[in-house]
N, C-alpha and C. Protein backbone atom coordinates (compact mmCIF):
# COMPACT_ATOMS: atom_id res chain seq x y z
N MET A 1 56.10 -21.34 -1.71
CA MET A 1 55.91 -22.42 -2.63
C MET A 1 57.24 -23.14 -2.83
N LYS A 2 57.22 -24.44 -2.75
CA LYS A 2 58.43 -25.23 -2.91
C LYS A 2 58.79 -25.33 -4.38
N ASP A 3 60.08 -25.14 -4.68
CA ASP A 3 60.57 -25.24 -6.04
C ASP A 3 60.65 -26.71 -6.42
N HIS A 4 59.90 -27.10 -7.46
CA HIS A 4 59.89 -28.48 -7.90
C HIS A 4 60.97 -28.75 -8.94
N CYS A 5 61.75 -27.73 -9.29
CA CYS A 5 62.83 -27.89 -10.25
C CYS A 5 64.12 -27.35 -9.63
N PRO A 6 64.61 -27.97 -8.57
CA PRO A 6 65.82 -27.46 -7.92
C PRO A 6 67.00 -27.54 -8.86
N ALA A 7 67.89 -26.58 -8.74
CA ALA A 7 69.10 -26.58 -9.55
C ALA A 7 70.04 -27.65 -9.03
N GLN A 8 70.39 -28.56 -9.89
CA GLN A 8 71.34 -29.60 -9.53
C GLN A 8 72.34 -29.70 -10.66
N ASN A 9 73.54 -30.02 -10.30
CA ASN A 9 74.59 -30.16 -11.29
C ASN A 9 75.19 -31.56 -11.19
N PRO A 10 74.55 -32.55 -11.83
CA PRO A 10 75.11 -33.89 -11.77
C PRO A 10 76.44 -33.93 -12.50
N PRO A 11 77.31 -34.86 -12.14
CA PRO A 11 78.59 -34.98 -12.84
C PRO A 11 78.36 -35.17 -14.33
N ALA A 12 79.21 -34.55 -15.15
CA ALA A 12 79.05 -34.61 -16.60
C ALA A 12 79.03 -36.05 -17.10
N ALA A 13 79.74 -36.93 -16.42
CA ALA A 13 79.79 -38.33 -16.87
C ALA A 13 78.42 -39.00 -16.74
N ASP A 14 77.52 -38.44 -15.91
CA ASP A 14 76.19 -39.01 -15.71
C ASP A 14 75.16 -38.48 -16.70
N LEU A 15 75.56 -37.55 -17.56
CA LEU A 15 74.62 -36.93 -18.49
C LEU A 15 74.80 -37.49 -19.89
N PRO A 16 73.69 -37.61 -20.65
CA PRO A 16 73.82 -37.98 -22.06
C PRO A 16 74.62 -36.91 -22.79
N ALA A 17 75.21 -37.28 -23.91
CA ALA A 17 76.03 -36.35 -24.69
C ALA A 17 75.27 -35.05 -24.96
N GLY A 18 75.91 -33.94 -24.70
CA GLY A 18 75.34 -32.63 -24.97
C GLY A 18 74.51 -32.05 -23.85
N GLU A 19 74.05 -32.86 -22.92
CA GLU A 19 73.24 -32.33 -21.83
C GLU A 19 74.14 -31.73 -20.75
N GLY A 20 73.59 -30.79 -20.03
CA GLY A 20 74.33 -30.17 -18.94
C GLY A 20 75.16 -28.99 -19.37
N GLN A 21 75.23 -28.73 -20.67
CA GLN A 21 75.96 -27.58 -21.16
C GLN A 21 75.05 -26.37 -21.11
N LEU A 22 75.57 -25.25 -20.68
CA LEU A 22 74.77 -24.05 -20.57
C LEU A 22 74.32 -23.55 -21.93
N ALA A 23 73.13 -22.98 -21.95
CA ALA A 23 72.60 -22.34 -23.15
C ALA A 23 72.24 -20.91 -22.78
N ARG A 24 72.16 -20.05 -23.76
CA ARG A 24 71.76 -18.67 -23.53
C ARG A 24 70.38 -18.47 -24.13
N LEU A 25 69.59 -17.61 -23.48
CA LEU A 25 68.22 -17.33 -23.90
C LEU A 25 68.14 -15.88 -24.36
N ALA A 26 67.65 -15.70 -25.58
CA ALA A 26 67.52 -14.36 -26.15
C ALA A 26 66.13 -14.21 -26.77
N VAL A 27 65.72 -12.96 -26.92
CA VAL A 27 64.45 -12.63 -27.56
C VAL A 27 64.71 -11.56 -28.61
N SER A 28 63.84 -11.51 -29.60
CA SER A 28 63.85 -10.41 -30.55
C SER A 28 62.42 -10.19 -31.03
N THR A 29 62.21 -9.03 -31.66
CA THR A 29 60.86 -8.66 -32.08
C THR A 29 60.87 -8.20 -33.52
N ALA A 30 59.96 -8.77 -34.30
CA ALA A 30 59.78 -8.37 -35.70
C ALA A 30 58.55 -7.47 -35.78
N VAL A 31 58.74 -6.27 -36.31
CA VAL A 31 57.65 -5.33 -36.55
C VAL A 31 57.62 -5.04 -38.05
N PHE A 32 56.46 -5.25 -38.65
CA PHE A 32 56.27 -4.99 -40.07
C PHE A 32 55.40 -3.75 -40.24
N ASP A 33 55.76 -2.91 -41.22
CA ASP A 33 54.93 -1.75 -41.52
C ASP A 33 53.83 -2.17 -42.51
N PRO A 34 52.91 -1.26 -42.86
CA PRO A 34 51.81 -1.64 -43.76
C PRO A 34 52.27 -2.13 -45.14
N GLU A 35 53.47 -1.77 -45.56
CA GLU A 35 54.01 -2.23 -46.84
C GLU A 35 54.72 -3.58 -46.73
N GLY A 36 54.75 -4.17 -45.53
CA GLY A 36 55.40 -5.45 -45.33
C GLY A 36 56.88 -5.37 -45.08
N ARG A 37 57.40 -4.17 -44.86
CA ARG A 37 58.82 -4.01 -44.55
C ARG A 37 59.04 -4.26 -43.06
N VAL A 38 60.22 -4.77 -42.71
CA VAL A 38 60.54 -5.11 -41.33
C VAL A 38 61.54 -4.11 -40.76
N LEU A 39 61.41 -3.80 -39.48
CA LEU A 39 62.32 -2.88 -38.81
C LEU A 39 63.55 -3.64 -38.34
N LEU A 40 64.72 -3.19 -38.78
CA LEU A 40 65.99 -3.76 -38.35
C LEU A 40 66.84 -2.69 -37.69
N VAL A 41 67.72 -3.11 -36.79
CA VAL A 41 68.67 -2.21 -36.15
C VAL A 41 70.07 -2.53 -36.67
N HIS A 42 70.93 -1.52 -36.67
CA HIS A 42 72.33 -1.72 -37.06
C HIS A 42 73.16 -1.70 -35.78
N GLN A 43 73.80 -2.83 -35.49
CA GLN A 43 74.55 -2.98 -34.24
C GLN A 43 75.87 -2.22 -34.29
N THR A 44 76.28 -1.70 -33.13
CA THR A 44 77.54 -0.95 -33.03
C THR A 44 78.68 -1.80 -32.49
N TYR A 45 78.45 -3.08 -32.27
CA TYR A 45 79.46 -3.95 -31.66
C TYR A 45 79.69 -5.17 -32.56
N GLY A 46 80.73 -5.91 -32.27
CA GLY A 46 81.01 -7.14 -33.00
C GLY A 46 81.15 -6.92 -34.49
N ALA A 47 80.44 -7.73 -35.25
CA ALA A 47 80.51 -7.65 -36.71
C ALA A 47 79.62 -6.54 -37.28
N ARG A 48 78.96 -5.77 -36.41
CA ARG A 48 78.10 -4.65 -36.82
C ARG A 48 77.02 -5.10 -37.80
N TRP A 49 76.34 -6.18 -37.41
CA TRP A 49 75.28 -6.75 -38.23
C TRP A 49 74.02 -5.90 -38.19
N TRP A 50 73.20 -6.07 -39.20
CA TRP A 50 71.80 -5.65 -39.17
C TRP A 50 71.04 -6.82 -38.55
N ALA A 51 70.13 -6.51 -37.63
CA ALA A 51 69.45 -7.56 -36.88
C ALA A 51 68.07 -7.08 -36.44
N LEU A 52 67.26 -8.01 -35.99
CA LEU A 52 66.02 -7.64 -35.30
C LEU A 52 66.39 -7.05 -33.95
N PRO A 53 65.65 -6.07 -33.47
CA PRO A 53 65.90 -5.56 -32.12
C PRO A 53 65.69 -6.69 -31.11
N GLY A 54 66.62 -6.84 -30.20
CA GLY A 54 66.49 -7.90 -29.20
C GLY A 54 67.74 -8.04 -28.37
N GLY A 55 67.72 -9.02 -27.50
CA GLY A 55 68.87 -9.25 -26.64
C GLY A 55 68.61 -10.34 -25.62
N TRP A 56 69.44 -10.36 -24.60
CA TRP A 56 69.39 -11.40 -23.58
C TRP A 56 68.23 -11.20 -22.62
N VAL A 57 67.71 -12.31 -22.15
CA VAL A 57 66.65 -12.31 -21.15
C VAL A 57 67.32 -12.34 -19.77
N ASP A 58 66.91 -11.44 -18.90
CA ASP A 58 67.44 -11.42 -17.54
C ASP A 58 66.86 -12.58 -16.74
N PRO A 59 67.61 -13.11 -15.76
CA PRO A 59 67.09 -14.21 -14.94
C PRO A 59 65.73 -13.86 -14.33
N GLY A 60 64.75 -14.75 -14.52
CA GLY A 60 63.42 -14.55 -13.96
C GLY A 60 62.52 -13.62 -14.76
N GLU A 61 63.03 -13.03 -15.82
CA GLU A 61 62.26 -12.05 -16.60
C GLU A 61 61.28 -12.76 -17.55
N ASP A 62 60.08 -12.23 -17.65
CA ASP A 62 59.09 -12.71 -18.61
C ASP A 62 59.63 -12.47 -20.02
N LEU A 63 59.46 -13.45 -20.90
CA LEU A 63 60.02 -13.34 -22.25
C LEU A 63 59.44 -12.17 -23.04
N ALA A 64 58.13 -11.98 -22.98
CA ALA A 64 57.51 -10.87 -23.71
C ALA A 64 57.96 -9.53 -23.15
N GLU A 65 58.12 -9.45 -21.83
CA GLU A 65 58.61 -8.21 -21.22
C GLU A 65 60.06 -7.94 -21.65
N ALA A 66 60.87 -8.98 -21.71
CA ALA A 66 62.25 -8.82 -22.17
C ALA A 66 62.28 -8.32 -23.61
N ALA A 67 61.41 -8.86 -24.45
CA ALA A 67 61.34 -8.42 -25.85
C ALA A 67 60.92 -6.96 -25.93
N ARG A 68 59.94 -6.56 -25.13
CA ARG A 68 59.49 -5.17 -25.12
C ARG A 68 60.61 -4.25 -24.66
N ARG A 69 61.30 -4.64 -23.58
CA ARG A 69 62.40 -3.84 -23.03
C ARG A 69 63.52 -3.67 -24.06
N GLU A 70 63.96 -4.79 -24.63
CA GLU A 70 65.07 -4.74 -25.58
C GLU A 70 64.71 -3.92 -26.82
N PHE A 71 63.48 -4.05 -27.30
CA PHE A 71 63.04 -3.28 -28.46
C PHE A 71 63.15 -1.78 -28.17
N GLY A 72 62.65 -1.37 -27.02
CA GLY A 72 62.72 0.04 -26.65
C GLY A 72 64.14 0.54 -26.49
N GLU A 73 64.98 -0.26 -25.83
CA GLU A 73 66.38 0.15 -25.62
C GLU A 73 67.12 0.33 -26.94
N GLU A 74 66.84 -0.53 -27.92
CA GLU A 74 67.62 -0.51 -29.15
C GLU A 74 67.05 0.39 -30.24
N THR A 75 65.77 0.76 -30.15
CA THR A 75 65.17 1.56 -31.22
C THR A 75 64.66 2.93 -30.78
N GLY A 76 64.26 3.07 -29.53
CA GLY A 76 63.59 4.28 -29.07
C GLY A 76 62.08 4.19 -29.17
N TYR A 77 61.58 3.17 -29.84
CA TYR A 77 60.14 2.98 -29.98
C TYR A 77 59.57 2.17 -28.81
N GLU A 78 58.31 2.44 -28.50
CA GLU A 78 57.54 1.58 -27.61
C GLU A 78 56.86 0.54 -28.48
N VAL A 79 56.74 -0.68 -27.97
CA VAL A 79 56.17 -1.76 -28.78
C VAL A 79 55.19 -2.57 -27.94
N ARG A 80 54.13 -3.01 -28.58
CA ARG A 80 53.21 -3.97 -27.97
C ARG A 80 53.58 -5.33 -28.54
N ILE A 81 53.84 -6.29 -27.67
CA ILE A 81 54.17 -7.63 -28.10
C ILE A 81 52.86 -8.36 -28.42
N LEU A 82 52.77 -8.89 -29.63
CA LEU A 82 51.53 -9.52 -30.09
C LEU A 82 51.50 -11.02 -29.83
N ARG A 83 52.50 -11.73 -30.32
CA ARG A 83 52.55 -13.19 -30.16
C ARG A 83 53.90 -13.69 -30.65
N PRO A 84 54.28 -14.91 -30.25
CA PRO A 84 55.52 -15.48 -30.77
C PRO A 84 55.38 -15.84 -32.25
N SER A 85 56.44 -15.64 -33.00
CA SER A 85 56.44 -16.10 -34.40
C SER A 85 57.37 -17.29 -34.58
N GLY A 86 58.30 -17.47 -33.68
CA GLY A 86 59.20 -18.61 -33.83
C GLY A 86 60.07 -18.82 -32.61
N VAL A 87 60.48 -20.06 -32.44
CA VAL A 87 61.45 -20.44 -31.41
C VAL A 87 62.55 -21.18 -32.14
N TYR A 88 63.80 -20.73 -31.93
CA TYR A 88 64.93 -21.24 -32.70
C TYR A 88 66.04 -21.71 -31.76
N TRP A 89 66.43 -22.96 -31.91
CA TRP A 89 67.54 -23.52 -31.16
C TRP A 89 68.72 -23.51 -32.12
N ARG A 90 69.69 -22.63 -31.84
CA ARG A 90 70.81 -22.42 -32.76
C ARG A 90 72.05 -23.15 -32.26
N LEU A 91 72.53 -24.05 -33.09
CA LEU A 91 73.76 -24.77 -32.81
C LEU A 91 74.80 -24.36 -33.84
N PRO A 92 76.05 -24.33 -33.52
CA PRO A 92 76.67 -24.83 -32.30
C PRO A 92 76.70 -23.83 -31.15
N LYS A 93 76.06 -22.70 -31.27
CA LYS A 93 76.14 -21.64 -30.26
C LYS A 93 75.39 -21.96 -28.96
N ARG A 94 74.53 -22.99 -28.95
CA ARG A 94 73.70 -23.32 -27.79
C ARG A 94 72.91 -22.07 -27.38
N LEU A 95 72.21 -21.52 -28.35
CA LEU A 95 71.45 -20.29 -28.17
C LEU A 95 69.98 -20.58 -28.50
N LEU A 96 69.10 -20.26 -27.56
CA LEU A 96 67.66 -20.38 -27.78
C LEU A 96 67.12 -18.97 -27.98
N VAL A 97 66.50 -18.74 -29.13
CA VAL A 97 65.98 -17.41 -29.47
C VAL A 97 64.48 -17.52 -29.68
N VAL A 98 63.71 -16.68 -28.99
CA VAL A 98 62.28 -16.58 -29.19
C VAL A 98 62.02 -15.27 -29.92
N VAL A 99 61.41 -15.37 -31.10
CA VAL A 99 61.08 -14.19 -31.90
C VAL A 99 59.60 -13.91 -31.74
N PHE A 100 59.28 -12.65 -31.43
CA PHE A 100 57.90 -12.21 -31.28
C PHE A 100 57.53 -11.29 -32.43
N LEU A 101 56.23 -11.21 -32.70
CA LEU A 101 55.70 -10.15 -33.55
C LEU A 101 55.28 -9.01 -32.65
N GLY A 102 55.47 -7.78 -33.12
CA GLY A 102 55.09 -6.63 -32.32
C GLY A 102 54.51 -5.53 -33.18
N ALA A 103 53.97 -4.52 -32.51
CA ALA A 103 53.42 -3.34 -33.17
C ALA A 103 53.90 -2.10 -32.43
N ILE A 104 54.42 -1.13 -33.15
CA ILE A 104 54.90 0.11 -32.53
C ILE A 104 53.71 0.89 -32.01
N THR A 105 53.81 1.35 -30.76
CA THR A 105 52.72 2.10 -30.13
C THR A 105 53.11 3.53 -29.77
N GLY A 106 54.38 3.88 -29.91
CA GLY A 106 54.81 5.23 -29.56
C GLY A 106 56.32 5.34 -29.66
N GLY A 107 56.81 6.49 -29.18
CA GLY A 107 58.24 6.73 -29.21
C GLY A 107 58.71 7.24 -30.55
N SER A 108 60.01 7.36 -30.68
CA SER A 108 60.61 7.80 -31.94
C SER A 108 61.99 7.16 -32.05
N PRO A 109 62.47 7.00 -33.29
CA PRO A 109 63.76 6.32 -33.46
C PRO A 109 64.91 7.12 -32.86
N ARG A 110 65.81 6.40 -32.20
CA ARG A 110 67.01 7.03 -31.64
C ARG A 110 68.10 5.97 -31.51
N PRO A 111 69.36 6.37 -31.67
CA PRO A 111 70.45 5.42 -31.49
C PRO A 111 70.62 5.09 -30.01
N SER A 112 71.35 4.01 -29.75
CA SER A 112 71.63 3.60 -28.38
C SER A 112 73.10 3.19 -28.29
N ALA A 113 73.50 2.73 -27.12
CA ALA A 113 74.87 2.25 -26.97
C ALA A 113 75.13 1.01 -27.83
N GLU A 114 74.08 0.27 -28.17
CA GLU A 114 74.23 -0.98 -28.93
C GLU A 114 73.87 -0.84 -30.40
N THR A 115 73.16 0.23 -30.77
CA THR A 115 72.73 0.41 -32.15
C THR A 115 72.95 1.86 -32.58
N ASP A 116 73.30 2.03 -33.85
CA ASP A 116 73.48 3.40 -34.34
C ASP A 116 72.36 3.82 -35.28
N GLY A 117 71.26 3.07 -35.24
CA GLY A 117 70.11 3.45 -36.04
C GLY A 117 69.24 2.25 -36.35
N CYS A 118 68.05 2.57 -36.88
CA CYS A 118 67.13 1.53 -37.30
C CYS A 118 66.39 2.03 -38.53
N ALA A 119 65.91 1.08 -39.33
CA ALA A 119 65.18 1.43 -40.54
C ALA A 119 64.33 0.24 -40.97
N PHE A 120 63.30 0.54 -41.77
CA PHE A 120 62.46 -0.51 -42.33
C PHE A 120 63.04 -0.96 -43.68
N PHE A 121 63.02 -2.28 -43.91
CA PHE A 121 63.55 -2.86 -45.14
C PHE A 121 62.57 -3.86 -45.71
N SER A 122 62.49 -3.88 -47.03
CA SER A 122 61.73 -4.91 -47.73
C SER A 122 62.48 -6.24 -47.58
N LEU A 123 61.74 -7.34 -47.47
CA LEU A 123 62.39 -8.64 -47.33
C LEU A 123 63.17 -9.03 -48.58
N ASP A 124 62.89 -8.40 -49.72
CA ASP A 124 63.66 -8.70 -50.92
C ASP A 124 64.76 -7.68 -51.18
N ALA A 125 65.02 -6.79 -50.22
CA ALA A 125 66.10 -5.81 -50.34
C ALA A 125 66.70 -5.56 -48.96
N LEU A 126 67.17 -6.63 -48.33
CA LEU A 126 67.73 -6.53 -46.98
C LEU A 126 69.15 -5.97 -47.02
N PRO A 127 69.55 -5.24 -45.98
CA PRO A 127 70.91 -4.69 -45.94
C PRO A 127 71.93 -5.78 -45.62
N SER A 128 73.19 -5.41 -45.68
CA SER A 128 74.27 -6.34 -45.39
C SER A 128 75.27 -5.64 -44.47
N PRO A 129 75.90 -6.39 -43.59
CA PRO A 129 75.75 -7.82 -43.32
C PRO A 129 74.58 -8.08 -42.37
N LEU A 130 73.95 -9.25 -42.54
CA LEU A 130 72.84 -9.66 -41.68
C LEU A 130 73.36 -10.60 -40.59
N SER A 131 72.73 -10.53 -39.42
CA SER A 131 73.10 -11.47 -38.36
C SER A 131 72.80 -12.90 -38.82
N PRO A 132 73.56 -13.88 -38.33
CA PRO A 132 73.36 -15.27 -38.76
C PRO A 132 71.92 -15.74 -38.53
N CYS A 133 71.42 -16.50 -39.46
CA CYS A 133 70.09 -17.13 -39.38
C CYS A 133 68.93 -16.14 -39.50
N LEU A 134 69.21 -14.87 -39.71
CA LEU A 134 68.14 -13.86 -39.70
C LEU A 134 67.16 -14.03 -40.84
N GLU A 135 67.62 -14.34 -42.03
CA GLU A 135 66.70 -14.41 -43.17
C GLU A 135 65.60 -15.43 -42.95
N GLU A 136 65.93 -16.60 -42.41
CA GLU A 136 64.91 -17.62 -42.14
C GLU A 136 63.92 -17.11 -41.09
N ARG A 137 64.41 -16.46 -40.06
CA ARG A 137 63.52 -15.93 -39.01
C ARG A 137 62.61 -14.84 -39.57
N LEU A 138 63.12 -14.02 -40.48
CA LEU A 138 62.29 -12.97 -41.09
C LEU A 138 61.20 -13.56 -41.97
N ARG A 139 61.55 -14.56 -42.76
CA ARG A 139 60.53 -15.23 -43.60
C ARG A 139 59.45 -15.84 -42.72
N ASP A 140 59.89 -16.51 -41.64
CA ASP A 140 58.93 -17.13 -40.73
C ASP A 140 58.03 -16.06 -40.11
N ALA A 141 58.62 -14.97 -39.62
CA ALA A 141 57.85 -13.92 -38.97
C ALA A 141 56.83 -13.32 -39.93
N ARG A 142 57.22 -13.12 -41.17
CA ARG A 142 56.28 -12.56 -42.15
C ARG A 142 55.12 -13.52 -42.38
N GLU A 143 55.40 -14.81 -42.53
CA GLU A 143 54.33 -15.79 -42.73
C GLU A 143 53.39 -15.84 -41.53
N VAL A 144 53.95 -15.77 -40.32
CA VAL A 144 53.12 -15.78 -39.11
C VAL A 144 52.30 -14.49 -39.04
N SER A 145 52.88 -13.35 -39.44
CA SER A 145 52.14 -12.08 -39.41
C SER A 145 50.96 -12.11 -40.37
N LEU A 146 51.02 -12.97 -41.38
CA LEU A 146 49.94 -13.10 -42.35
C LEU A 146 48.97 -14.22 -41.99
N GLY A 147 49.12 -14.79 -40.80
CA GLY A 147 48.17 -15.79 -40.32
C GLY A 147 48.69 -17.21 -40.21
N GLY A 148 49.95 -17.44 -40.57
CA GLY A 148 50.51 -18.78 -40.47
C GLY A 148 50.83 -19.17 -39.04
N PRO A 149 51.12 -20.45 -38.82
CA PRO A 149 51.45 -20.91 -37.47
C PRO A 149 52.88 -20.53 -37.08
N ALA A 150 53.13 -20.42 -35.78
CA ALA A 150 54.47 -20.16 -35.28
C ALA A 150 55.39 -21.29 -35.71
N ARG A 151 56.67 -20.97 -35.85
CA ARG A 151 57.67 -21.93 -36.29
C ARG A 151 58.57 -22.34 -35.12
N TYR A 152 59.04 -23.57 -35.18
CA TYR A 152 59.95 -24.10 -34.17
C TYR A 152 61.05 -24.80 -34.95
N ARG A 153 62.26 -24.23 -34.92
CA ARG A 153 63.31 -24.74 -35.80
C ARG A 153 64.65 -24.92 -35.08
N LEU A 154 65.38 -25.92 -35.54
CA LEU A 154 66.79 -26.09 -35.21
C LEU A 154 67.55 -25.39 -36.31
N GLN A 155 68.46 -24.49 -35.95
CA GLN A 155 69.24 -23.78 -36.95
C GLN A 155 70.72 -24.15 -36.77
N MET A 156 71.23 -24.90 -37.72
CA MET A 156 72.64 -25.27 -37.72
C MET A 156 73.36 -24.25 -38.60
N ASN A 157 74.18 -23.44 -37.99
CA ASN A 157 74.86 -22.41 -38.75
C ASN A 157 76.24 -22.21 -38.17
N PRO A 158 77.27 -22.56 -38.92
CA PRO A 158 78.61 -22.32 -38.40
C PRO A 158 78.86 -20.82 -38.28
N GLU A 159 79.71 -20.47 -37.36
CA GLU A 159 80.04 -19.06 -37.16
C GLU A 159 80.83 -18.55 -38.36
N PRO A 160 80.54 -17.30 -38.77
CA PRO A 160 81.31 -16.74 -39.88
C PRO A 160 82.77 -16.55 -39.50
N ALA A 161 83.63 -16.62 -40.47
CA ALA A 161 85.05 -16.38 -40.22
C ALA A 161 85.26 -14.93 -39.81
N PRO A 162 86.18 -14.67 -38.89
CA PRO A 162 86.43 -13.28 -38.46
C PRO A 162 87.00 -12.44 -39.57
């Protein structure tokens, strides 16, 4: 099959402002327990944020499969991916994040090279520090889990000071 979207790199001067700059694609998964608490992981790198389990999508990888893989790697749980809850274009990081809803189907919690644990938290008693933009994504995921439509948002969030 012929590729109808060949990779081309036109000179930057030929592109409208902002186009042609690389972006990164990431996925994460929100799992809520029967009490409405969400599962978060505590990262062992960088600012050691609490975050949704997730990570980078490998080239050519299906987004839902990437979300399932990352969830398992970071929590020890097996997860069934249910549906997207939101798509977020985060600037100035040029990061596209797809958040899925999921349901745990097996496994047990265990730390990994990237996380030193996971736990369920009420949305009104979240731990600190939280990864940037997480609270909005959690609110959206909860609304979608209760039957609302998926969200599509631009998130302007300056990077926290080191």
